[in-house]
Protein backbone atom coordinates (compact mmCIF):
# COMPACT_ATOMS: atom_id res chain seq x y z
CA UNK A 1 -6.89 21.27 16.32
CA UNK A 2 -7.09 17.92 18.06
CA UNK A 3 -3.70 16.60 16.98
CA UNK A 4 -4.96 13.03 17.38
CA UNK A 5 -7.52 13.40 14.57
CA UNK A 6 -7.29 14.17 10.88
CA UNK A 7 -4.15 14.44 8.74
CA UNK A 8 -1.00 16.48 9.26
CA UNK A 9 1.68 16.67 6.54
CA UNK A 10 4.85 18.53 7.53
CA UNK A 11 7.81 19.46 5.30
CA UNK A 12 7.44 16.47 2.99
CA UNK A 13 9.86 15.92 0.09
CA UNK A 14 9.71 13.13 -2.45
CA UNK A 15 11.94 12.53 -5.47
CA UNK A 16 12.30 9.72 -7.98
CA UNK A 17 15.93 9.75 -8.99
CA UNK A 18 16.67 13.28 -10.16
CA UNK A 19 12.98 14.15 -10.54
CA UNK A 20 11.81 16.19 -7.55
CA UNK A 21 8.05 15.64 -7.22
CA UNK A 22 7.25 17.04 -3.76
CA UNK A 23 9.20 19.81 -2.07
CA UNK A 24 8.44 21.03 1.47
CA UNK A 25 4.74 20.16 1.31
CA UNK A 26 2.67 21.12 4.36
CA UNK A 27 -1.05 20.67 4.89
CA UNK A 28 -3.50 19.90 7.65
CA UNK A 29 -6.94 18.32 7.24
CA UNK A 30 -9.25 18.67 10.21
CA UNK A 31 -12.18 16.41 11.08
CA UNK A 32 -15.26 17.76 9.35
CA UNK A 33 -13.20 19.50 6.66
CA UNK A 34 -12.72 18.95 2.94
CA UNK A 35 -9.28 19.97 1.74
CA UNK A 36 -8.84 20.33 -2.02
CA UNK A 37 -5.61 19.97 -3.97
CA UNK A 38 -5.37 21.23 -7.52
CA UNK A 39 -2.61 21.32 -10.10
CA UNK A 40 -1.59 20.10 -13.50
CA UNK A 41 -0.82 16.49 -14.23
CA UNK A 42 2.66 15.82 -12.92
CA UNK A 43 2.42 18.32 -10.07
CA UNK A 44 2.53 15.57 -7.44
CA UNK A 45 -1.07 15.29 -6.27
CA UNK A 46 -1.24 11.50 -6.59
CA UNK A 47 2.26 11.04 -5.14
CA UNK A 48 1.25 13.08 -2.08
CA UNK A 49 -1.87 10.97 -1.62
CA UNK A 50 0.15 7.76 -1.90
CA UNK A 51 2.53 9.06 0.78
CA UNK A 52 -0.38 9.85 3.10
CA UNK A 53 -1.73 6.32 2.61
CA UNK A 54 1.65 4.70 3.22
CA UNK A 55 2.04 3.39 -0.34
CA UNK A 56 5.15 5.56 -0.78
CA UNK A 57 7.63 6.79 1.81
CA UNK A 58 8.65 10.46 1.70
CA UNK A 59 12.35 11.26 1.55
CA UNK A 60 11.96 13.95 4.21
CA UNK A 61 9.25 15.20 6.52
CA UNK A 62 6.48 13.52 8.47
CA UNK A 63 2.88 12.46 7.88
CA UNK A 64 0.48 11.73 10.71
CA UNK A 65 -2.98 10.25 10.27
CA UNK A 66 -5.16 10.29 13.37
CA UNK A 67 -2.07 10.97 15.45
CA UNK A 68 0.00 8.04 14.18
CA UNK A 69 3.21 8.52 12.21
CA UNK A 70 2.83 6.85 8.81
CA UNK A 71 5.76 4.59 7.94
CA UNK A 72 6.94 4.37 11.55
CA UNK A 73 4.03 3.81 13.90
CA UNK A 74 1.88 2.29 11.15
CA UNK A 75 2.52 1.10 7.59
CA UNK A 76 -1.02 1.80 6.43
CA UNK A 77 -3.25 4.13 8.47
CA UNK A 78 -6.30 2.60 10.08
CA UNK A 79 -9.78 3.98 9.46
CA UNK A 80 -8.87 5.46 6.09
CA UNK A 81 -10.78 5.14 2.81
CA UNK A 82 -8.96 5.58 -0.47
CA UNK A 83 -9.55 6.14 -4.18
CA UNK A 84 -6.28 6.58 -6.02
CA UNK A 85 -6.19 6.23 -9.81
CA UNK A 86 -8.62 3.73 -11.35
CA UNK A 87 -10.24 1.50 -8.70
CA UNK A 88 -9.31 -2.13 -9.32
CA UNK A 89 -11.95 -4.84 -8.99
CA UNK A 90 -12.34 -8.49 -9.97
CA UNK A 91 -13.95 -8.15 -13.41
CA UNK A 92 -15.95 -11.37 -13.56
CA UNK A 93 -18.00 -11.06 -10.36
CA UNK A 94 -20.64 -8.55 -9.29
CA UNK A 95 -20.03 -5.27 -7.54
CA UNK A 96 -21.57 -6.60 -4.34
CA UNK A 97 -19.32 -9.67 -4.43
CA UNK A 98 -16.25 -7.47 -4.95
CA UNK A 99 -17.11 -5.39 -1.90
CA UNK A 100 -17.92 -8.50 0.14
CA UNK A 101 -14.48 -9.97 -0.63
CA UNK A 102 -12.75 -6.72 0.37
CA UNK A 103 -14.83 -6.43 3.54
CA UNK A 104 -13.91 -9.95 4.61
CA UNK A 105 -10.23 -8.93 4.78
CA UNK A 106 -10.92 -6.84 7.89
CA UNK A 107 -14.15 -8.39 9.09
CA UNK A 108 -15.54 -5.06 10.28
CA UNK A 109 -18.77 -4.99 8.28
CA UNK A 110 -21.22 -7.47 6.85
CA UNK A 111 -23.80 -7.85 4.11
CA UNK A 112 -26.19 -5.19 5.43
CA UNK A 113 -23.57 -2.44 5.58
CA UNK A 114 -22.40 -3.24 2.04
CA UNK A 115 -25.95 -3.17 0.70
CA UNK A 116 -26.63 0.16 2.41
CA UNK A 117 -23.42 1.68 1.05
CA UNK A 118 -24.12 0.54 -2.51
CA UNK A 119 -27.58 2.07 -2.34
CA UNK A 120 -26.07 5.28 -0.99
CA UNK A 121 -23.87 5.67 -4.10
CA UNK A 122 -26.69 4.77 -6.48
CA UNK A 123 -25.87 1.13 -7.22
CA UNK A 124 -28.25 -1.80 -6.83
CA UNK A 125 -26.82 -4.39 -4.39
CA UNK A 126 -28.80 -7.10 -6.17
CA UNK A 127 -27.37 -6.40 -9.61
CA UNK A 128 -25.77 -9.62 -10.89
CA UNK A 129 -23.93 -7.97 -13.78
CA UNK A 130 -20.15 -8.56 -13.54
CA UNK A 131 -17.98 -5.50 -13.04
CA UNK A 132 -16.42 -6.09 -16.47
CA UNK A 133 -19.75 -4.95 -17.94
CA UNK A 134 -20.05 -1.87 -15.72
CA UNK A 135 -19.87 1.56 -17.29
CA UNK A 136 -17.04 3.86 -16.21
CA UNK A 137 -19.48 5.78 -14.03
CA UNK A 138 -20.70 2.60 -12.33
CA UNK A 139 -17.11 1.56 -11.63
CA UNK A 140 -16.45 4.95 -10.09
CA UNK A 141 -19.52 4.66 -7.87
CA UNK A 142 -18.31 1.23 -6.79
CA UNK A 143 -14.91 2.73 -5.98
CA UNK A 144 -16.56 5.37 -3.80
CA UNK A 145 -18.59 2.65 -2.09
CA UNK A 146 -15.40 0.70 -1.37
CA UNK A 147 -13.77 3.80 0.11
CA UNK A 148 -16.62 4.66 2.48
CA UNK A 149 -18.19 1.29 3.35
CA UNK A 150 -16.18 0.70 6.55
CA UNK A 151 -17.01 4.17 7.91
CA UNK A 152 -13.45 5.57 7.86
CA UNK A 153 -12.42 8.75 9.68
CA UNK A 154 -10.23 9.93 6.78
CA UNK A 155 -10.94 9.84 3.04
CA UNK A 156 -8.23 10.28 0.38
CA UNK A 157 -9.99 10.78 -2.95
CA UNK A 158 -8.09 11.24 -6.20
CA UNK A 159 -10.50 12.38 -8.95
CA UNK A 160 -13.43 10.48 -7.38
CA UNK A 161 -16.04 11.82 -9.83
CA UNK A 162 -14.29 10.71 -13.05
CA UNK A 163 -16.70 9.11 -15.48
CA UNK A 164 -19.83 10.34 -13.73
CA UNK A 165 -22.48 12.21 -15.68
CA UNK A 166 -23.74 15.59 -14.45
CA UNK A 167 -26.51 14.05 -12.32
CA UNK A 168 -24.19 11.43 -10.87
CA UNK A 169 -21.51 13.98 -9.99
CA UNK A 170 -24.11 16.15 -8.26
CA UNK A 171 -25.30 13.16 -6.23
CA UNK A 172 -21.73 12.33 -5.17
CA UNK A 173 -21.09 15.94 -4.17
CA UNK A 174 -24.14 15.73 -1.91
CA UNK A 175 -22.69 12.54 -0.44
CA UNK A 176 -19.36 14.27 0.23
CA UNK A 177 -21.19 17.01 2.12
CA UNK A 178 -22.95 14.38 4.22
CA UNK A 179 -19.63 12.71 5.02
CA UNK A 180 -18.13 16.08 5.97
CA UNK A 181 -21.09 16.70 8.30
CA UNK A 182 -20.34 13.33 9.93
CA UNK A 183 -16.87 14.63 10.83
CA UNK A 184 -14.77 12.95 8.15
CA UNK A 185 -11.44 14.53 7.21
CA UNK A 186 -11.42 14.51 3.41
CA UNK A 187 -8.61 15.20 0.93
CA UNK A 188 -10.00 15.71 -2.57
CA UNK A 189 -8.14 16.11 -5.87
CA UNK A 190 -10.22 17.16 -8.85
CA UNK A 191 -9.74 18.88 -12.19
CA UNK A 192 -13.36 20.06 -12.03
CA UNK A 193 -13.58 23.62 -10.71
CA UNK A 194 -17.16 23.09 -9.54
CA UNK A 195 -16.12 20.18 -7.31
CA UNK A 196 -13.44 22.32 -5.69
CA UNK A 197 -15.51 25.48 -5.33
CA UNK A 198 -18.61 23.75 -4.01
CA UNK A 199 -17.00 21.25 -1.65
CA UNK A 200 -13.68 22.48 -0.31
CA UNK A 201 -13.06 24.51 2.83
CA UNK A 202 -9.42 25.09 1.92
CA UNK A 203 -7.56 24.58 -1.36
CA UNK A 204 -3.85 23.95 -1.94
CA UNK A 205 -2.41 24.50 -5.40
CA UNK A 206 0.49 22.24 -6.29
CA UNK A 207 2.98 23.44 -8.88
CA UNK A 208 5.09 21.18 -11.05
CA UNK A 209 8.67 21.18 -9.76
CA UNK A 210 11.09 22.69 -12.25
C-alpha cells in the first residue's frame, strides 16, 4: 500500500482503569476500501474509532492517518470525516445553517458545496425547519452530510444508517459505494448484516475483552 494514504492501526491497547477495552488491535484501511468492524456493544468499536480520530489516546501502539502519527504529529487528522455516536447539532436553526456554521470553522467550502451535499443525502437545502423538529432519519442524513461535505480522504462512520428507513438506508449504501469509487478510505461499524455484507471489502470482528 501507499503508506502515506489511508489508515494504519498497529498494536493498539486502550484501558479505562482496570477495564481493558482494546488489546493489540491491528487494521489497515486502504484508499478505495471499506473496512467493516462488527461486535457486540462494549467490544470497543467506538473507542477504536475515537482513537483513530484523536479524541482518545491509546495506551500502547500507533495510529497513522494519511501517513501522520495521530497524537504526535497531529492531534486531529486532517481530511477526515466522522460520525461517532449521535451527531450533535444546534437544535433551533436549520440543517443548512448548522452545516454552514461548521464549514466556516475551516473555510474550505461555501454555500454551493453545502447545498450539493445536502441534496446528495436526500435533504432539501432550502428547508427552514429547525433541526429540533427533524426526524431521527433526517438527523442521520444531516450527520452524513456533515461528515462528507468537505471531501475528506478518510471516513470514520459509527452506525451511520441508524434511524433510516429501508429506502433511506439503501440510498446511503449507494452513496458509500460512490465514495469508495472516489478513493475514500472508509471505516464502517454497523449492527446491520446487510450493510456489512454489501459494502465491506474486509471485516474485523471485535470481541469483548474478558
